[in-house]
Amino acid sequence: MLAQHIEAKTGIPVIRKTNLGGSLLVHKALLAGELELYVEYTGTALTAVLNESPQGDSSAVYHRVKQLYSERFHLEVTEPLGFENTFAMVIRAMTRKSSICKNFPTSLGSRQNGVPASAMNSSSAPTASAAGATATISISPSLPK
């Protein structure tokens, strides 16, 4: 979808590369000049690429990633793309009832129609919003702006 948008707005043909691997491999490819841009979650950029701990809300994480990508890699992080991804645990009922999970919050144990509440409603599940799961694009400085 992003490639189509770039082509439509700029007339620049986009070469699509799929199945590139995880964030660290894709990030290395960007630094090596093998890619011009890629979409990344700011929480992943912060924790996996920058090896930093999340602090604050998603906006604080975004600004930290933007600053550190510029300083460390000379890459620009664009504005968020407008969607977020939160994480939930999906757990088998048998496991939930075992002693392994005795200290989990009770909201993880509720079920609707046999499905854990954490899979149905992210508001009752632990989220990674502090990890800033806002999607952004990293752009190589060689791209025209």
N, C-alpha and C. Protein backbone atom coordinates (compact mmCIF):
# COMPACT_ATOMS: atom_id res chain seq x y z
N MET A 1 0.83 -1.18 0.00
CA MET A 1 0.00 0.00 0.00
C MET A 1 0.88 1.25 0.00
N LEU A 2 1.92 1.24 0.81
CA LEU A 2 2.83 2.38 0.86
C LEU A 2 3.53 2.56 -0.48
N ALA A 3 3.95 1.47 -1.09
CA ALA A 3 4.61 1.55 -2.40
C ALA A 3 3.67 2.16 -3.44
N GLN A 4 2.41 1.76 -3.43
CA GLN A 4 1.43 2.31 -4.36
C GLN A 4 1.26 3.81 -4.13
N HIS A 5 1.23 4.22 -2.89
CA HIS A 5 1.08 5.63 -2.57
C HIS A 5 2.27 6.44 -3.08
N ILE A 6 3.47 5.94 -2.85
CA ILE A 6 4.67 6.63 -3.32
C ILE A 6 4.66 6.75 -4.84
N GLU A 7 4.33 5.66 -5.51
CA GLU A 7 4.29 5.68 -6.98
C GLU A 7 3.24 6.67 -7.48
N ALA A 8 2.07 6.68 -6.87
CA ALA A 8 0.99 7.56 -7.31
C ALA A 8 1.32 9.03 -7.07
N LYS A 9 1.95 9.33 -5.94
CA LYS A 9 2.22 10.73 -5.59
C LYS A 9 3.50 11.29 -6.21
N THR A 10 4.47 10.42 -6.48
CA THR A 10 5.78 10.93 -6.94
C THR A 10 6.13 10.49 -8.36
N GLY A 11 5.50 9.44 -8.86
CA GLY A 11 5.86 8.91 -10.16
C GLY A 11 7.14 8.08 -10.13
N ILE A 12 7.72 7.92 -8.94
CA ILE A 12 8.94 7.14 -8.79
C ILE A 12 8.55 5.66 -8.70
N PRO A 13 9.11 4.81 -9.58
CA PRO A 13 8.79 3.38 -9.47
C PRO A 13 9.41 2.80 -8.20
N VAL A 14 8.67 1.94 -7.53
CA VAL A 14 9.11 1.34 -6.28
C VAL A 14 9.39 -0.14 -6.51
N ILE A 15 10.56 -0.58 -6.12
CA ILE A 15 10.89 -2.00 -6.16
C ILE A 15 10.50 -2.58 -4.81
N ARG A 16 9.60 -3.54 -4.83
CA ARG A 16 9.12 -4.14 -3.59
C ARG A 16 9.98 -5.35 -3.25
N LYS A 17 10.43 -5.40 -2.02
CA LYS A 17 11.18 -6.55 -1.53
C LYS A 17 10.42 -7.11 -0.35
N THR A 18 10.05 -8.38 -0.43
CA THR A 18 9.26 -8.98 0.64
C THR A 18 10.07 -10.08 1.33
N ASN A 19 9.55 -10.51 2.47
CA ASN A 19 10.17 -11.59 3.24
C ASN A 19 11.65 -11.33 3.51
N LEU A 20 11.94 -10.14 4.01
CA LEU A 20 13.33 -9.75 4.25
C LEU A 20 13.88 -10.24 5.58
N GLY A 21 13.03 -10.74 6.44
CA GLY A 21 13.49 -11.17 7.75
C GLY A 21 13.02 -10.19 8.81
N GLY A 22 13.62 -10.29 9.98
CA GLY A 22 13.23 -9.46 11.12
C GLY A 22 13.76 -8.04 11.04
N SER A 23 13.38 -7.27 12.03
CA SER A 23 13.72 -5.85 12.07
C SER A 23 15.22 -5.59 12.01
N LEU A 24 16.02 -6.40 12.71
CA LEU A 24 17.46 -6.16 12.71
C LEU A 24 18.08 -6.38 11.34
N LEU A 25 17.63 -7.41 10.63
CA LEU A 25 18.13 -7.65 9.28
C LEU A 25 17.73 -6.53 8.32
N VAL A 26 16.50 -6.10 8.42
CA VAL A 26 16.01 -5.04 7.55
C VAL A 26 16.73 -3.73 7.87
N HIS A 27 16.95 -3.46 9.14
CA HIS A 27 17.66 -2.25 9.54
C HIS A 27 19.09 -2.26 8.99
N LYS A 28 19.75 -3.40 9.08
CA LYS A 28 21.12 -3.51 8.53
C LYS A 28 21.12 -3.30 7.02
N ALA A 29 20.11 -3.82 6.33
CA ALA A 29 20.00 -3.62 4.89
C ALA A 29 19.82 -2.14 4.56
N LEU A 30 19.05 -1.44 5.37
CA LEU A 30 18.87 0.00 5.17
C LEU A 30 20.19 0.74 5.34
N LEU A 31 20.91 0.41 6.39
CA LEU A 31 22.20 1.06 6.65
C LEU A 31 23.22 0.76 5.55
N ALA A 32 23.12 -0.43 4.96
CA ALA A 32 24.05 -0.82 3.89
C ALA A 32 23.65 -0.25 2.53
N GLY A 33 22.53 0.46 2.48
CA GLY A 33 22.09 1.05 1.23
C GLY A 33 21.33 0.09 0.33
N GLU A 34 20.96 -1.08 0.85
CA GLU A 34 20.22 -2.06 0.06
C GLU A 34 18.72 -1.74 0.02
N LEU A 35 18.26 -0.89 0.92
CA LEU A 35 16.87 -0.43 0.98
C LEU A 35 16.89 1.09 1.15
N GLU A 36 15.83 1.72 0.68
CA GLU A 36 15.70 3.16 0.85
C GLU A 36 14.78 3.52 2.00
N LEU A 37 13.81 2.66 2.28
CA LEU A 37 12.91 2.90 3.40
C LEU A 37 12.26 1.60 3.81
N TYR A 38 11.76 1.59 5.03
CA TYR A 38 10.96 0.47 5.52
C TYR A 38 10.08 0.96 6.65
N VAL A 39 9.00 0.23 6.90
CA VAL A 39 8.07 0.57 7.96
C VAL A 39 8.50 -0.20 9.21
N GLU A 40 8.54 0.51 10.34
CA GLU A 40 8.96 -0.11 11.60
C GLU A 40 8.07 0.40 12.73
N TYR A 41 7.83 -0.45 13.71
CA TYR A 41 7.15 0.00 14.92
C TYR A 41 8.17 0.70 15.81
N THR A 42 7.77 1.82 16.39
CA THR A 42 8.72 2.57 17.22
C THR A 42 9.13 1.78 18.45
N GLY A 43 8.24 0.96 18.99
CA GLY A 43 8.61 0.13 20.13
C GLY A 43 9.69 -0.87 19.77
N THR A 44 9.60 -1.46 18.59
CA THR A 44 10.62 -2.39 18.11
C THR A 44 11.92 -1.64 17.83
N ALA A 45 11.80 -0.48 17.20
CA ALA A 45 13.00 0.32 16.93
C ALA A 45 13.72 0.66 18.23
N LEU A 46 12.97 1.04 19.24
CA LEU A 46 13.57 1.42 20.52
C LEU A 46 14.22 0.24 21.22
N THR A 47 13.49 -0.86 21.34
CA THR A 47 13.99 -1.97 22.15
C THR A 47 14.94 -2.90 21.39
N ALA A 48 14.61 -3.25 20.15
CA ALA A 48 15.44 -4.21 19.41
C ALA A 48 16.61 -3.56 18.68
N VAL A 49 16.35 -2.45 18.00
CA VAL A 49 17.40 -1.82 17.20
C VAL A 49 18.29 -0.94 18.06
N LEU A 50 17.68 -0.10 18.89
CA LEU A 50 18.46 0.84 19.71
C LEU A 50 18.86 0.26 21.06
N ASN A 51 18.27 -0.87 21.42
CA ASN A 51 18.57 -1.53 22.70
C ASN A 51 18.33 -0.61 23.90
N GLU A 52 17.22 0.13 23.84
CA GLU A 52 16.83 1.05 24.91
C GLU A 52 15.58 0.52 25.59
N SER A 53 15.35 0.95 26.80
CA SER A 53 14.14 0.58 27.53
C SER A 53 13.06 1.63 27.29
N PRO A 54 11.80 1.19 27.12
CA PRO A 54 10.73 2.16 26.92
C PRO A 54 10.45 2.96 28.18
N GLN A 55 10.23 4.22 27.99
CA GLN A 55 9.85 5.12 29.09
C GLN A 55 8.82 6.09 28.56
N GLY A 56 7.78 6.31 29.32
CA GLY A 56 6.75 7.26 28.93
C GLY A 56 5.73 6.63 28.00
N ASP A 57 4.94 7.50 27.38
CA ASP A 57 3.89 7.04 26.48
C ASP A 57 4.43 6.88 25.06
N SER A 58 3.55 6.51 24.15
CA SER A 58 3.98 6.25 22.77
C SER A 58 4.56 7.49 22.10
N SER A 59 4.08 8.67 22.46
CA SER A 59 4.63 9.90 21.90
C SER A 59 6.07 10.11 22.35
N ALA A 60 6.35 9.86 23.62
CA ALA A 60 7.71 10.00 24.14
C ALA A 60 8.65 9.00 23.47
N VAL A 61 8.16 7.79 23.27
CA VAL A 61 8.97 6.76 22.61
C VAL A 61 9.25 7.17 21.16
N TYR A 62 8.23 7.65 20.46
CA TYR A 62 8.41 8.11 19.08
C TYR A 62 9.50 9.19 19.00
N HIS A 63 9.42 10.19 19.87
CA HIS A 63 10.39 11.28 19.83
C HIS A 63 11.80 10.80 20.17
N ARG A 64 11.89 9.85 21.08
CA ARG A 64 13.20 9.28 21.44
C ARG A 64 13.79 8.51 20.25
N VAL A 65 12.98 7.70 19.60
CA VAL A 65 13.43 6.94 18.42
C VAL A 65 13.85 7.90 17.31
N LYS A 66 13.05 8.91 17.07
CA LYS A 66 13.36 9.90 16.03
C LYS A 66 14.72 10.55 16.31
N GLN A 67 14.96 10.94 17.55
CA GLN A 67 16.22 11.57 17.94
C GLN A 67 17.40 10.60 17.78
N LEU A 68 17.25 9.39 18.31
CA LEU A 68 18.36 8.44 18.30
C LEU A 68 18.67 7.91 16.90
N TYR A 69 17.65 7.71 16.06
CA TYR A 69 17.91 7.29 14.68
C TYR A 69 18.69 8.36 13.93
N SER A 70 18.37 9.60 14.20
CA SER A 70 19.10 10.70 13.56
C SER A 70 20.55 10.74 14.05
N GLU A 71 20.73 10.67 15.36
CA GLU A 71 22.07 10.76 15.94
C GLU A 71 22.95 9.56 15.60
N ARG A 72 22.42 8.37 15.76
CA ARG A 72 23.23 7.16 15.59
C ARG A 72 23.39 6.69 14.16
N PHE A 73 22.32 6.85 13.37
CA PHE A 73 22.32 6.25 12.04
C PHE A 73 22.20 7.26 10.91
N HIS A 74 21.96 8.53 11.24
CA HIS A 74 21.73 9.57 10.23
C HIS A 74 20.54 9.22 9.35
N LEU A 75 19.49 8.68 10.00
CA LEU A 75 18.25 8.33 9.34
C LEU A 75 17.13 9.21 9.86
N GLU A 76 16.18 9.48 9.00
CA GLU A 76 15.01 10.27 9.39
C GLU A 76 13.86 9.34 9.68
N VAL A 77 13.16 9.57 10.77
CA VAL A 77 11.94 8.84 11.11
C VAL A 77 10.79 9.79 10.84
N THR A 78 9.87 9.37 9.95
CA THR A 78 8.76 10.23 9.59
C THR A 78 7.70 10.25 10.69
N GLU A 79 6.67 11.01 10.46
CA GLU A 79 5.53 11.03 11.38
C GLU A 79 4.88 9.65 11.38
N PRO A 80 4.20 9.28 12.47
CA PRO A 80 3.51 7.99 12.51
C PRO A 80 2.52 7.83 11.37
N LEU A 81 2.32 6.60 10.95
CA LEU A 81 1.42 6.30 9.84
C LEU A 81 -0.04 6.28 10.24
N GLY A 82 -0.31 6.33 11.53
CA GLY A 82 -1.69 6.45 11.97
C GLY A 82 -2.34 5.18 12.49
N PHE A 83 -1.57 4.15 12.74
CA PHE A 83 -2.15 2.97 13.37
C PHE A 83 -1.22 2.50 14.47
N GLU A 84 -1.79 1.80 15.42
CA GLU A 84 -1.01 1.28 16.54
C GLU A 84 -1.28 -0.20 16.70
N ASN A 85 -0.36 -0.87 17.35
CA ASN A 85 -0.46 -2.30 17.58
C ASN A 85 -0.17 -2.57 19.04
N THR A 86 -1.14 -3.09 19.74
CA THR A 86 -0.91 -3.47 21.13
C THR A 86 -0.82 -4.99 21.21
N PHE A 87 -0.25 -5.47 22.26
CA PHE A 87 -0.01 -6.89 22.41
C PHE A 87 -0.90 -7.48 23.48
N ALA A 88 -1.31 -8.70 23.28
CA ALA A 88 -2.12 -9.41 24.26
C ALA A 88 -1.59 -10.83 24.34
N MET A 89 -1.77 -11.44 25.48
CA MET A 89 -1.38 -12.84 25.65
C MET A 89 -2.59 -13.72 25.38
N VAL A 90 -2.39 -14.77 24.62
CA VAL A 90 -3.43 -15.77 24.41
C VAL A 90 -2.94 -17.01 25.12
N ILE A 91 -3.76 -17.52 26.01
CA ILE A 91 -3.32 -18.60 26.88
C ILE A 91 -4.39 -19.68 26.95
N ARG A 92 -3.96 -20.93 26.98
CA ARG A 92 -4.90 -22.05 27.09
C ARG A 92 -5.51 -22.05 28.49
N ALA A 93 -6.77 -22.45 28.57
CA ALA A 93 -7.47 -22.47 29.86
C ALA A 93 -6.75 -23.36 30.86
N MET A 94 -6.27 -24.52 30.42
CA MET A 94 -5.58 -25.45 31.31
C MET A 94 -4.32 -24.78 31.90
N THR A 95 -3.60 -24.06 31.07
CA THR A 95 -2.40 -23.37 31.54
C THR A 95 -2.78 -22.26 32.51
N ARG A 96 -3.83 -21.53 32.22
CA ARG A 96 -4.28 -20.43 33.06
C ARG A 96 -4.62 -20.92 34.46
N LYS A 97 -5.18 -22.11 34.55
CA LYS A 97 -5.59 -22.65 35.84
C LYS A 97 -4.43 -23.27 36.61
N SER A 98 -3.30 -23.45 35.96
CA SER A 98 -2.16 -24.09 36.62
C SER A 98 -1.44 -23.11 37.54
N SER A 99 -0.55 -23.64 38.34
CA SER A 99 0.22 -22.81 39.26
C SER A 99 1.18 -21.88 38.54
N ILE A 100 1.49 -22.16 37.27
CA ILE A 100 2.38 -21.30 36.49
C ILE A 100 1.83 -19.88 36.42
N CYS A 101 0.51 -19.77 36.34
CA CYS A 101 -0.13 -18.48 36.11
C CYS A 101 -0.80 -17.90 37.34
N LYS A 102 -0.50 -18.42 38.50
CA LYS A 102 -1.25 -18.00 39.69
C LYS A 102 -1.09 -16.51 40.00
N ASN A 103 -0.03 -15.87 39.55
CA ASN A 103 0.18 -14.45 39.83
C ASN A 103 -0.23 -13.54 38.68
N PHE A 104 -0.81 -14.10 37.61
CA PHE A 104 -1.27 -13.27 36.50
C PHE A 104 -2.48 -12.46 36.94
N PRO A 105 -2.69 -11.30 36.37
CA PRO A 105 -3.90 -10.53 36.69
C PRO A 105 -5.14 -11.32 36.35
N THR A 106 -6.20 -11.14 37.12
CA THR A 106 -7.43 -11.91 36.90
C THR A 106 -8.05 -11.59 35.55
N SER A 107 -7.80 -10.42 34.98
CA SER A 107 -8.38 -10.11 33.68
C SER A 107 -7.91 -11.07 32.61
N LEU A 108 -6.75 -11.71 32.82
CA LEU A 108 -6.26 -12.68 31.85
C LEU A 108 -7.05 -13.98 31.91
N GLY A 109 -7.77 -14.18 33.00
CA GLY A 109 -8.50 -15.42 33.14
C GLY A 109 -9.91 -15.38 32.61
N SER A 110 -10.47 -14.19 32.36
CA SER A 110 -11.83 -14.13 31.88
C SER A 110 -11.92 -14.60 30.44
N ARG A 111 -13.04 -15.20 30.13
CA ARG A 111 -13.21 -15.76 28.80
C ARG A 111 -14.58 -15.37 28.25
N GLN A 112 -14.63 -15.21 26.94
CA GLN A 112 -15.90 -15.00 26.27
C GLN A 112 -16.01 -16.06 25.18
N ASN A 113 -17.03 -16.87 25.24
CA ASN A 113 -17.24 -17.94 24.26
C ASN A 113 -16.00 -18.80 24.08
N GLY A 114 -15.30 -19.08 25.18
CA GLY A 114 -14.13 -19.95 25.12
C GLY A 114 -12.85 -19.27 24.69
N VAL A 115 -12.91 -17.97 24.41
CA VAL A 115 -11.72 -17.23 23.97
C VAL A 115 -11.26 -16.33 25.10
N PRO A 116 -9.98 -16.33 25.44
CA PRO A 116 -9.51 -15.46 26.52
C PRO A 116 -9.85 -14.01 26.24
N ALA A 117 -10.22 -13.30 27.29
CA ALA A 117 -10.56 -11.89 27.15
C ALA A 117 -9.40 -11.11 26.56
N SER A 118 -8.18 -11.53 26.85
CA SER A 118 -7.02 -10.82 26.31
C SER A 118 -6.98 -10.89 24.79
N ALA A 119 -7.59 -11.90 24.21
CA ALA A 119 -7.62 -11.98 22.75
C ALA A 119 -8.82 -11.23 22.17
N MET A 120 -9.83 -10.99 23.01
CA MET A 120 -11.05 -10.34 22.54
C MET A 120 -11.00 -8.84 22.70
N ASN A 121 -10.40 -8.37 23.77
CA ASN A 121 -10.48 -6.95 24.10
C ASN A 121 -9.15 -6.50 24.65
N SER A 122 -8.40 -5.76 23.87
CA SER A 122 -7.06 -5.37 24.30
C SER A 122 -7.08 -4.43 25.49
N SER A 123 -8.25 -3.83 25.82
CA SER A 123 -8.27 -2.91 26.96
C SER A 123 -8.10 -3.66 28.28
N SER A 124 -8.41 -4.96 28.31
CA SER A 124 -8.25 -5.71 29.54
C SER A 124 -6.94 -6.50 29.56
N ALA A 125 -6.19 -6.42 28.49
CA ALA A 125 -4.95 -7.18 28.39
C ALA A 125 -3.75 -6.28 28.60
N PRO A 126 -2.64 -6.87 29.00
CA PRO A 126 -1.43 -6.07 29.10
C PRO A 126 -1.05 -5.56 27.72
N THR A 127 -0.67 -4.32 27.64
CA THR A 127 -0.33 -3.77 26.34
C THR A 127 1.10 -3.27 26.34
N ALA A 128 1.58 -3.02 25.16
CA ALA A 128 2.93 -2.50 24.99
C ALA A 128 2.87 -1.04 24.56
N SER A 129 1.83 -0.32 25.01
CA SER A 129 1.70 1.06 24.57
C SER A 129 2.86 1.91 25.04
N ALA A 130 3.42 1.59 26.19
CA ALA A 130 4.60 2.33 26.64
C ALA A 130 5.79 2.03 25.74
N ALA A 131 5.75 0.90 25.07
CA ALA A 131 6.82 0.57 24.14
C ALA A 131 6.64 1.31 22.83
N GLY A 132 5.55 2.04 22.70
CA GLY A 132 5.34 2.88 21.53
C GLY A 132 5.19 2.08 20.26
N ALA A 133 4.11 1.39 20.12
CA ALA A 133 3.95 0.54 18.96
C ALA A 133 3.39 1.31 17.77
N THR A 134 3.75 2.55 17.63
CA THR A 134 3.30 3.35 16.51
C THR A 134 4.18 3.08 15.31
N ALA A 135 3.58 2.82 14.17
CA ALA A 135 4.36 2.52 12.98
C ALA A 135 4.92 3.81 12.38
N THR A 136 6.15 3.76 11.99
CA THR A 136 6.81 4.88 11.34
C THR A 136 7.63 4.35 10.17
N ILE A 137 8.16 5.25 9.39
CA ILE A 137 9.02 4.87 8.28
C ILE A 137 10.39 5.46 8.54
N SER A 138 11.42 4.68 8.32
CA SER A 138 12.78 5.19 8.36
C SER A 138 13.20 5.47 6.93
N ILE A 139 13.69 6.65 6.68
CA ILE A 139 14.06 7.03 5.32
C ILE A 139 15.55 7.30 5.25
N SER A 140 16.17 6.73 4.24
CA SER A 140 17.59 6.96 4.01
C SER A 140 17.83 8.41 3.63
N PRO A 141 18.92 9.01 4.09
CA PRO A 141 19.18 10.41 3.74
C PRO A 141 19.42 10.61 2.25
N SER A 142 19.62 9.54 1.49
CA SER A 142 19.88 9.70 0.07
C SER A 142 18.61 9.92 -0.74
N LEU A 143 17.44 9.72 -0.13
CA LEU A 143 16.18 9.94 -0.84
C LEU A 143 15.92 11.42 -1.00
N PRO A 144 15.43 11.86 -2.14
CA PRO A 144 15.02 13.26 -2.26
C PRO A 144 13.85 13.55 -1.35
N LYS A 145 13.82 14.73 -0.79
CA LYS A 145 12.73 15.07 0.14
C LYS A 145 11.76 16.01 -0.48
